[in-house]
Amino acid sequence: MDEKKGTPATRAKNKYNAANYDRLYPYAPKGRKEVYEAAATKAGYSLNEYIIKSIEEKIERDENKCNKKEPQE
């Protein structure tokens, strides 16, 4: 039999998430998750928001750093 798992609402949410989000699975050393969660909470973000914001800020800094390099003559 073709048994569907979850309620229709859960299936709809899963379908939406699959279509609109990429999943990342970062691994952190034991004990660091608590440090990251505390920093996120202190900053007023969820852990996910904090991680995404941190990555975006790092990308921006790296791009600015590359753009500021003096052209070689």
N, C-alpha and C. Protein backbone atom coordinates (compact mmCIF):
# COMPACT_ATOMS: atom_id res chain seq x y z
N MET A 1 0.83 -1.20 0.00
CA MET A 1 0.00 0.00 0.00
C MET A 1 0.86 1.25 0.00
N ASP A 2 0.34 2.27 -0.59
CA ASP A 2 1.03 3.55 -0.64
C ASP A 2 0.57 4.40 0.54
N GLU A 3 1.29 4.28 1.66
CA GLU A 3 0.92 5.00 2.88
C GLU A 3 1.66 6.33 2.94
N LYS A 4 0.92 7.43 3.08
CA LYS A 4 1.54 8.75 3.19
C LYS A 4 1.81 9.04 4.65
N LYS A 5 2.97 9.60 4.92
CA LYS A 5 3.34 9.93 6.29
C LYS A 5 3.06 11.40 6.57
N GLY A 6 2.59 11.67 7.77
CA GLY A 6 2.34 13.05 8.19
C GLY A 6 0.98 13.55 7.77
N THR A 7 0.61 14.65 8.37
CA THR A 7 -0.68 15.26 8.04
C THR A 7 -0.54 16.02 6.72
N PRO A 8 -1.66 16.37 6.11
CA PRO A 8 -1.58 17.17 4.88
C PRO A 8 -0.83 18.49 5.10
N ALA A 9 -0.99 19.12 6.25
CA ALA A 9 -0.30 20.38 6.52
C ALA A 9 1.21 20.17 6.57
N THR A 10 1.64 19.09 7.21
CA THR A 10 3.08 18.78 7.29
C THR A 10 3.64 18.50 5.90
N ARG A 11 2.91 17.74 5.12
CA ARG A 11 3.38 17.44 3.76
C ARG A 11 3.47 18.72 2.93
N ALA A 12 2.51 19.63 3.10
CA ALA A 12 2.54 20.90 2.36
C ALA A 12 3.75 21.73 2.77
N LYS A 13 4.04 21.80 4.07
CA LYS A 13 5.21 22.54 4.55
C LYS A 13 6.49 21.94 4.02
N ASN A 14 6.59 20.62 4.05
CA ASN A 14 7.79 19.95 3.54
C ASN A 14 7.97 20.21 2.05
N LYS A 15 6.88 20.18 1.31
CA LYS A 15 6.95 20.45 -0.13
C LYS A 15 7.42 21.89 -0.39
N TYR A 16 6.86 22.85 0.36
CA TYR A 16 7.26 24.25 0.23
C TYR A 16 8.74 24.42 0.56
N ASN A 17 9.18 23.84 1.68
CA ASN A 17 10.58 23.97 2.09
C ASN A 17 11.51 23.36 1.06
N ALA A 18 11.15 22.22 0.51
CA ALA A 18 11.99 21.56 -0.50
C ALA A 18 12.13 22.43 -1.75
N ALA A 19 11.07 23.15 -2.10
CA ALA A 19 11.10 23.98 -3.30
C ALA A 19 11.80 25.31 -3.08
N ASN A 20 11.88 25.79 -1.84
CA ASN A 20 12.36 27.15 -1.60
C ASN A 20 13.64 27.27 -0.79
N TYR A 21 14.13 26.19 -0.24
CA TYR A 21 15.32 26.26 0.60
C TYR A 21 16.30 25.16 0.24
N ASP A 22 17.58 25.46 0.41
CA ASP A 22 18.64 24.45 0.33
C ASP A 22 18.98 24.07 1.76
N ARG A 23 19.28 22.81 1.97
CA ARG A 23 19.65 22.36 3.30
C ARG A 23 21.17 22.31 3.40
N LEU A 24 21.69 22.83 4.50
CA LEU A 24 23.12 22.77 4.79
C LEU A 24 23.29 22.00 6.09
N TYR A 25 24.37 21.28 6.19
CA TYR A 25 24.62 20.50 7.39
C TYR A 25 26.01 20.81 7.93
N PRO A 26 26.18 21.97 8.55
CA PRO A 26 27.50 22.28 9.09
C PRO A 26 27.79 21.46 10.34
N TYR A 27 29.00 21.00 10.45
CA TYR A 27 29.43 20.27 11.64
C TYR A 27 30.32 21.18 12.46
N ALA A 28 30.13 21.16 13.77
CA ALA A 28 30.91 21.99 14.68
C ALA A 28 31.50 21.08 15.76
N PRO A 29 32.64 21.45 16.29
CA PRO A 29 33.23 20.67 17.37
C PRO A 29 32.29 20.59 18.57
N LYS A 30 32.35 19.48 19.29
CA LYS A 30 31.53 19.29 20.48
C LYS A 30 31.65 20.50 21.40
N GLY A 31 30.53 20.96 21.92
CA GLY A 31 30.51 22.06 22.86
C GLY A 31 30.37 23.43 22.21
N ARG A 32 30.64 23.53 20.92
CA ARG A 32 30.57 24.84 20.26
C ARG A 32 29.13 25.26 19.96
N LYS A 33 28.23 24.29 19.80
CA LYS A 33 26.84 24.62 19.51
C LYS A 33 26.26 25.52 20.60
N GLU A 34 26.55 25.20 21.84
CA GLU A 34 26.05 26.01 22.95
C GLU A 34 26.61 27.43 22.89
N VAL A 35 27.86 27.56 22.50
CA VAL A 35 28.48 28.88 22.36
C VAL A 35 27.79 29.66 21.25
N TYR A 36 27.53 29.00 20.12
CA TYR A 36 26.88 29.65 18.99
C TYR A 36 25.45 30.04 19.34
N GLU A 37 24.73 29.17 20.04
CA GLU A 37 23.36 29.47 20.43
C GLU A 37 23.31 30.66 21.39
N ALA A 38 24.25 30.71 22.32
CA ALA A 38 24.29 31.83 23.28
C ALA A 38 24.58 33.14 22.55
N ALA A 39 25.50 33.12 21.60
CA ALA A 39 25.82 34.33 20.84
C ALA A 39 24.63 34.78 20.00
N ALA A 40 23.93 33.83 19.39
CA ALA A 40 22.75 34.15 18.59
C ALA A 40 21.66 34.77 19.45
N THR A 41 21.41 34.16 20.60
CA THR A 41 20.39 34.68 21.52
C THR A 41 20.74 36.08 21.99
N LYS A 42 21.99 36.28 22.33
CA LYS A 42 22.45 37.60 22.78
C LYS A 42 22.26 38.66 21.69
N ALA A 43 22.44 38.26 20.45
CA ALA A 43 22.28 39.18 19.32
C ALA A 43 20.82 39.33 18.90
N GLY A 44 19.94 38.51 19.47
CA GLY A 44 18.52 38.61 19.14
C GLY A 44 18.11 37.83 17.91
N TYR A 45 18.88 36.79 17.57
CA TYR A 45 18.59 35.97 16.40
C TYR A 45 18.39 34.52 16.80
N SER A 46 17.73 33.77 15.92
CA SER A 46 17.73 32.32 16.07
C SER A 46 19.11 31.83 15.64
N LEU A 47 19.44 30.61 15.96
CA LEU A 47 20.75 30.08 15.56
C LEU A 47 20.87 30.08 14.04
N ASN A 48 19.83 29.69 13.34
CA ASN A 48 19.86 29.67 11.88
C ASN A 48 20.07 31.08 11.32
N GLU A 49 19.32 32.06 11.82
CA GLU A 49 19.49 33.44 11.36
C GLU A 49 20.90 33.94 11.61
N TYR A 50 21.44 33.60 12.76
CA TYR A 50 22.78 34.03 13.14
C TYR A 50 23.83 33.44 12.20
N ILE A 51 23.69 32.17 11.89
CA ILE A 51 24.65 31.51 10.99
C ILE A 51 24.57 32.13 9.60
N ILE A 52 23.36 32.30 9.07
CA ILE A 52 23.20 32.86 7.73
C ILE A 52 23.74 34.29 7.69
N LYS A 53 23.39 35.10 8.69
CA LYS A 53 23.87 36.49 8.75
C LYS A 53 25.39 36.52 8.81
N SER A 54 25.98 35.64 9.60
CA SER A 54 27.44 35.59 9.73
C SER A 54 28.10 35.23 8.40
N ILE A 55 27.54 34.26 7.71
CA ILE A 55 28.09 33.86 6.41
C ILE A 55 27.99 35.01 5.41
N GLU A 56 26.82 35.66 5.36
CA GLU A 56 26.62 36.77 4.42
C GLU A 56 27.59 37.92 4.72
N GLU A 57 27.79 38.23 5.99
CA GLU A 57 28.73 39.29 6.36
C GLU A 57 30.15 38.92 5.96
N LYS A 58 30.53 37.67 6.13
CA LYS A 58 31.87 37.20 5.75
C LYS A 58 32.06 37.31 4.24
N ILE A 59 31.05 36.93 3.48
CA ILE A 59 31.13 37.03 2.02
C ILE A 59 31.31 38.50 1.61
N GLU A 60 30.53 39.38 2.23
CA GLU A 60 30.64 40.81 1.92
C GLU A 60 32.03 41.36 2.24
N ARG A 61 32.57 40.99 3.41
CA ARG A 61 33.92 41.45 3.77
C ARG A 61 34.95 40.93 2.78
N ASP A 62 34.84 39.66 2.40
CA ASP A 62 35.79 39.09 1.46
C ASP A 62 35.71 39.77 0.09
N GLU A 63 34.48 40.06 -0.35
CA GLU A 63 34.31 40.74 -1.64
C GLU A 63 34.89 42.15 -1.58
N ASN A 64 34.65 42.85 -0.49
CA ASN A 64 35.21 44.20 -0.34
C ASN A 64 36.73 44.16 -0.28
N LYS A 65 37.25 43.16 0.39
CA LYS A 65 38.71 42.99 0.50
C LYS A 65 39.32 42.76 -0.88
N CYS A 66 38.68 41.92 -1.69
CA CYS A 66 39.19 41.65 -3.03
C CYS A 66 39.09 42.87 -3.93
N ASN A 67 38.03 43.67 -3.76
CA ASN A 67 37.85 44.86 -4.59
C ASN A 67 38.78 45.99 -4.20
N LYS A 68 39.30 45.98 -2.99
CA LYS A 68 40.18 47.05 -2.52
C LYS A 68 41.64 46.80 -2.84
N LYS A 69 41.96 45.62 -3.33
CA LYS A 69 43.36 45.32 -3.65
C LYS A 69 43.81 46.26 -4.76
N GLU A 70 45.01 46.74 -4.61
CA GLU A 70 45.57 47.66 -5.60
C GLU A 70 45.90 46.91 -6.87
N PRO A 71 45.57 47.47 -8.00
CA PRO A 71 45.90 46.81 -9.27
C PRO A 71 47.42 46.73 -9.46
N GLN A 72 47.84 45.62 -9.97
CA GLN A 72 49.29 45.45 -10.18
C GLN A 72 49.67 46.06 -11.52
N GLU A 73 50.79 46.73 -11.51
CA GLU A 73 51.25 47.42 -12.72
C GLU A 73 52.27 46.62 -13.46
